[in-house]
Amino acid sequence: MSGSFAIAVGRFYEELAEHLVAGARATFARAGHEDVEIFDVSGAFELPLAASYAARSGRFAGVACLGAVIRGETDHYDFVCAETAAGIMRVSLDTGVPCAFGVLTCETMEQALARAGGEKRDQGAHAAEAVMGMAALRDRLASG
C-alpha cells in the first residue's frame, strides 16, 4: 500500500476526539503506518473540507475522518450528520482518495464514549481499518 495516511479530527468534543484518534493511530501503527499526520478542525461539519485539502495534496493514501455529533434539542444534529457524511463521501468519489467516515452520531455522551473505544466498539480503529482497506483495494486494482 503506497503513501502515508492522514487523520482529520473534529475537536468539538475533545475527550471523544482523543479516544478516536488513539484508536485510529494504534490501528495504523499495527499495520506499519507510524507516520500518520493529524489535522484538527473545529467540529464534524469542517471534516469534509479538511479531508479535501488532505486528499488533494497528493501526500496521503487515505484520510480517516473522526469526530462526534451528539443530538441536542434542535434539528442542528440532523443537518450536521447528513452534510458531514455526504461531504466526506463526495471527497472520496471526487478525488479517488479513500476517506473513512469515523464520525460518531449518538443520542448521548455515554453512547459516544462506548463507541469511541469503550465497551461497544472503537470507531477510530474501524475508520483506520476502512481507509487502509480501500487504499489497498485501489492499489490492487491499479496494478492488475
C-alpha atoms as a PDB file:
ATOM      1  CA  MET A   1       0.000   0.000   0.000  1.00  0.00           C
ATOM      2  CA  SER A   2       1.617   3.232  -1.128  1.00  0.00           C
ATOM      3  CA  GLY A   3       1.689   6.506   0.773  1.00  0.00           C
ATOM      4  CA  SER A   4       1.019   7.558   4.296  1.00  0.00           C
ATOM      5  CA  PHE A   5      -2.311   8.267   5.911  1.00  0.00           C
ATOM      6  CA  ALA A   6      -3.975  11.292   7.446  1.00  0.00           C
ATOM      7  CA  ILE A   7      -6.471  11.752  10.227  1.00  0.00           C
ATOM      8  CA  ALA A   8      -8.840  14.715  10.110  1.00  0.00           C
ATOM      9  CA  VAL A   9     -10.456  15.127  13.513  1.00  0.00           C
ATOM     10  CA  GLY A  10     -13.241  17.381  14.708  1.00  0.00           C
ATOM     11  CA  ARG A  11     -12.332  18.602  18.196  1.00  0.00           C
ATOM     12  CA  PHE A  12     -15.756  19.873  19.345  1.00  0.00           C
ATOM     13  CA  TYR A  13     -15.901  17.036  21.881  1.00  0.00           C
ATOM     14  CA  GLU A  14     -12.239  16.914  22.886  1.00  0.00           C
ATOM     15  CA  GLU A  15     -12.431  13.790  25.063  1.00  0.00           C
ATOM     16  CA  LEU A  16     -14.132  11.819  22.308  1.00  0.00           C
ATOM     17  CA  ALA A  17     -11.677  13.146  19.740  1.00  0.00           C
ATOM     18  CA  GLU A  18      -8.739  11.933  21.832  1.00  0.00           C
ATOM     19  CA  HIS A  19     -10.226   8.436  22.152  1.00  0.00           C
ATOM     20  CA  LEU A  20     -10.990   8.247  18.421  1.00  0.00           C
ATOM     21  CA  VAL A  21      -7.510   9.420  17.424  1.00  0.00           C
ATOM     22  CA  ALA A  22      -5.886   6.939  19.814  1.00  0.00           C
ATOM     23  CA  GLY A  23      -7.829   4.050  18.273  1.00  0.00           C
ATOM     24  CA  ALA A  24      -7.016   5.125  14.725  1.00  0.00           C
ATOM     25  CA  ARG A  25      -3.326   5.739  15.451  1.00  0.00           C
ATOM     26  CA  ALA A  26      -2.938   2.345  17.125  1.00  0.00           C
ATOM     27  CA  THR A  27      -4.574   0.628  14.176  1.00  0.00           C
ATOM     28  CA  PHE A  28      -2.418   2.445  11.644  1.00  0.00           C
ATOM     29  CA  ALA A  29       0.686   1.636  13.725  1.00  0.00           C
ATOM     30  CA  ARG A  30      -0.158  -2.081  13.879  1.00  0.00           C
ATOM     31  CA  ALA A  31      -0.252  -2.022  10.080  1.00  0.00           C
ATOM     32  CA  GLY A  32       3.169  -0.361   9.899  1.00  0.00           C
ATOM     33  CA  HIS A  33       1.995   3.215   9.353  1.00  0.00           C
ATOM     34  CA  GLU A  34       3.669   5.241  12.090  1.00  0.00           C
ATOM     35  CA  ASP A  35       3.848   8.442  10.027  1.00  0.00           C
ATOM     36  CA  VAL A  36       0.170   9.399  10.260  1.00  0.00           C
ATOM     37  CA  GLU A  37      -0.425  13.139  10.114  1.00  0.00           C
ATOM     38  CA  ILE A  38      -3.258  14.669  12.136  1.00  0.00           C
ATOM     39  CA  PHE A  39      -5.282  17.687  11.073  1.00  0.00           C
ATOM     40  CA  ASP A  40      -7.506  19.268  13.722  1.00  0.00           C
ATOM     41  CA  VAL A  41     -10.700  21.114  12.845  1.00  0.00           C
ATOM     42  CA  SER A  42     -13.433  22.668  14.968  1.00  0.00           C
ATOM     43  CA  GLY A  43     -16.103  20.058  14.518  1.00  0.00           C
ATOM     44  CA  ALA A  44     -17.667  17.453  12.273  1.00  0.00           C
ATOM     45  CA  PHE A  45     -19.023  19.950   9.748  1.00  0.00           C
ATOM     46  CA  GLU A  46     -15.474  21.017   8.857  1.00  0.00           C
ATOM     47  CA  LEU A  47     -14.256  17.463   8.219  1.00  0.00           C
ATOM     48  CA  PRO A  48     -15.146  17.269   4.501  1.00  0.00           C
ATOM     49  CA  LEU A  49     -13.103  20.350   3.652  1.00  0.00           C
ATOM     50  CA  ALA A  50     -10.149  19.160   5.745  1.00  0.00           C
ATOM     51  CA  ALA A  51     -10.385  15.765   4.015  1.00  0.00           C
ATOM     52  CA  SER A  52     -10.477  17.518   0.648  1.00  0.00           C
ATOM     53  CA  TYR A  53      -7.339  19.521   1.441  1.00  0.00           C
ATOM     54  CA  ALA A  54      -5.517  16.360   2.552  1.00  0.00           C
ATOM     55  CA  ALA A  55      -6.741  14.231  -0.361  1.00  0.00           C
ATOM     56  CA  ARG A  56      -5.919  16.848  -2.979  1.00  0.00           C
ATOM     57  CA  SER A  57      -2.423  17.397  -1.548  1.00  0.00           C
ATOM     58  CA  GLY A  58      -1.311  14.109  -3.121  1.00  0.00           C
ATOM     59  CA  ARG A  59       0.548  13.205   0.077  1.00  0.00           C
ATOM     60  CA  PHE A  60      -1.843  10.639   1.503  1.00  0.00           C
ATOM     61  CA  ALA A  61      -3.141   7.209   0.534  1.00  0.00           C
ATOM     62  CA  GLY A  62      -6.278   7.887   2.556  1.00  0.00           C
ATOM     63  CA  VAL A  63      -7.906  10.031   5.221  1.00  0.00           C
ATOM     64  CA  ALA A  64      -9.692   8.809   8.340  1.00  0.00           C
ATOM     65  CA  CYS A  65     -12.278  11.427   9.302  1.00  0.00           C
ATOM     66  CA  LEU A  66     -13.076  11.329  13.014  1.00  0.00           C
ATOM     67  CA  GLY A  67     -15.419  13.261  15.251  1.00  0.00           C
ATOM     68  CA  ALA A  68     -18.718  13.194  17.051  1.00  0.00           C
ATOM     69  CA  VAL A  69     -22.152  14.733  16.801  1.00  0.00           C
ATOM     70  CA  ILE A  70     -24.460  14.311  19.784  1.00  0.00           C
ATOM     71  CA  ARG A  71     -28.165  15.015  19.426  1.00  0.00           C
ATOM     72  CA  GLY A  72     -29.377  18.171  21.096  1.00  0.00           C
ATOM     73  CA  GLU A  73     -32.763  19.852  21.342  1.00  0.00           C
ATOM     74  CA  THR A  74     -32.859  21.195  17.773  1.00  0.00           C
ATOM     75  CA  ASP A  75     -32.627  19.884  14.214  1.00  0.00           C
ATOM     76  CA  HIS A  76     -28.988  21.002  14.006  1.00  0.00           C
ATOM     77  CA  TYR A  77     -27.870  17.400  14.635  1.00  0.00           C
ATOM     78  CA  ASP A  78     -29.672  16.090  11.535  1.00  0.00           C
ATOM     79  CA  PHE A  79     -28.145  18.683   9.239  1.00  0.00           C
ATOM     80  CA  VAL A  80     -24.608  18.294  10.565  1.00  0.00           C
ATOM     81  CA  CYS A  81     -24.705  14.489  10.392  1.00  0.00           C
ATOM     82  CA  ALA A  82     -26.147  14.360   6.880  1.00  0.00           C
ATOM     83  CA  GLU A  83     -23.903  17.028   5.390  1.00  0.00           C
ATOM     84  CA  THR A  84     -20.775  15.663   7.036  1.00  0.00           C
ATOM     85  CA  ALA A  85     -21.419  12.159   5.740  1.00  0.00           C
ATOM     86  CA  ALA A  86     -22.290  13.397   2.242  1.00  0.00           C
ATOM     87  CA  GLY A  87     -19.288  15.702   2.144  1.00  0.00           C
ATOM     88  CA  ILE A  88     -16.813  13.017   3.166  1.00  0.00           C
ATOM     89  CA  MET A  89     -18.234  10.624   0.569  1.00  0.00           C
ATOM     90  CA  ARG A  90     -18.037  13.340  -2.067  1.00  0.00           C
ATOM     91  CA  VAL A  91     -14.343  13.895  -1.351  1.00  0.00           C
ATOM     92  CA  SER A  92     -13.685  10.178  -1.797  1.00  0.00           C
ATOM     93  CA  LEU A  93     -15.593   9.997  -5.053  1.00  0.00           C
ATOM     94  CA  ASP A  94     -14.197  13.263  -6.473  1.00  0.00           C
ATOM     95  CA  THR A  95     -10.549  12.582  -5.627  1.00  0.00           C
ATOM     96  CA  GLY A  96     -10.309   8.782  -5.639  1.00  0.00           C
ATOM     97  CA  VAL A  97      -8.613   9.031  -2.232  1.00  0.00           C
ATOM     98  CA  PRO A  98     -10.420   6.898   0.357  1.00  0.00           C
ATOM     99  CA  CYS A  99     -11.918   8.943   3.185  1.00  0.00           C
ATOM    100  CA  ALA A 100     -13.473   6.958   6.026  1.00  0.00           C
ATOM    101  CA  PHE A 101     -16.495   8.198   7.968  1.00  0.00           C
ATOM    102  CA  GLY A 102     -15.418   7.714  11.586  1.00  0.00           C
ATOM    103  CA  VAL A 103     -17.904  10.188  12.996  1.00  0.00           C
ATOM    104  CA  LEU A 104     -19.978   9.110  15.963  1.00  0.00           C
ATOM    105  CA  THR A 105     -23.618  10.111  15.625  1.00  0.00           C
ATOM    106  CA  CYS A 106     -25.180   9.436  19.003  1.00  0.00           C
ATOM    107  CA  GLU A 107     -28.021  10.444  21.243  1.00  0.00           C
ATOM    108  CA  THR A 108     -25.892  10.860  24.375  1.00  0.00           C
ATOM    109  CA  MET A 109     -22.320  11.313  25.524  1.00  0.00           C
ATOM    110  CA  GLU A 110     -22.484   7.875  27.174  1.00  0.00           C
ATOM    111  CA  GLN A 111     -23.326   6.251  23.836  1.00  0.00           C
ATOM    112  CA  ALA A 112     -20.497   8.132  22.172  1.00  0.00           C
ATOM    113  CA  LEU A 113     -17.934   7.109  24.800  1.00  0.00           C
ATOM    114  CA  ALA A 114     -18.996   3.477  24.421  1.00  0.00           C
ATOM    115  CA  ARG A 115     -18.293   3.720  20.681  1.00  0.00           C
ATOM    116  CA  ALA A 116     -15.015   5.635  20.968  1.00  0.00           C
ATOM    117  CA  GLY A 117     -13.061   2.698  22.320  1.00  0.00           C
ATOM    118  CA  GLY A 118     -15.427   1.832  25.130  1.00  0.00           C
ATOM    119  CA  GLU A 119     -17.449  -1.339  25.583  1.00  0.00           C
ATOM    120  CA  LYS A 120     -19.358  -1.185  22.253  1.00  0.00           C
ATOM    121  CA  ARG A 121     -16.695  -0.524  19.600  1.00  0.00           C
ATOM    122  CA  ASP A 122     -13.762   1.635  18.589  1.00  0.00           C
ATOM    123  CA  GLN A 123     -14.930   3.865  15.757  1.00  0.00           C
ATOM    124  CA  GLY A 124     -11.460   5.405  15.342  1.00  0.00           C
ATOM    125  CA  ALA A 125      -9.928   1.973  14.810  1.00  0.00           C
ATOM    126  CA  HIS A 126     -12.707   0.995  12.412  1.00  0.00           C
ATOM    127  CA  ALA A 127     -12.178   4.157  10.348  1.00  0.00           C
ATOM    128  CA  ALA A 128      -8.444   3.426  10.069  1.00  0.00           C
ATOM    129  CA  GLU A 129      -9.179  -0.163   9.018  1.00  0.00           C
ATOM    130  CA  ALA A 130     -11.692   1.018   6.423  1.00  0.00           C
ATOM    131  CA  VAL A 131      -9.412   3.602   4.855  1.00  0.00           C
ATOM    132  CA  MET A 132      -6.460   1.194   4.705  1.00  0.00           C
ATOM    133  CA  GLY A 133      -8.678  -1.472   3.173  1.00  0.00           C
ATOM    134  CA  MET A 134      -9.939   0.854   0.470  1.00  0.00           C
ATOM    135  CA  ALA A 135      -6.426   2.136  -0.276  1.00  0.00           C
ATOM    136  CA  ALA A 136      -5.229  -1.465  -0.645  1.00  0.00           C
ATOM    137  CA  LEU A 137      -8.158  -2.229  -2.967  1.00  0.00           C
ATOM    138  CA  ARG A 138      -7.350   0.826  -5.099  1.00  0.00           C
ATOM    139  CA  ASP A 139      -3.673  -0.201  -5.294  1.00  0.00           C
ATOM    140  CA  ARG A 140      -4.557  -3.804  -6.160  1.00  0.00           C
ATOM    141  CA  LEU A 141      -6.885  -2.748  -8.965  1.00  0.00           C
ATOM    142  CA  ALA A 142      -4.396  -0.168 -10.305  1.00  0.00           C
ATOM    143  CA  SER A 143      -1.611  -2.775 -10.504  1.00  0.00           C
ATOM    144  CA  GLY A 144      -3.684  -5.541 -12.005  1.00  0.00           C
END
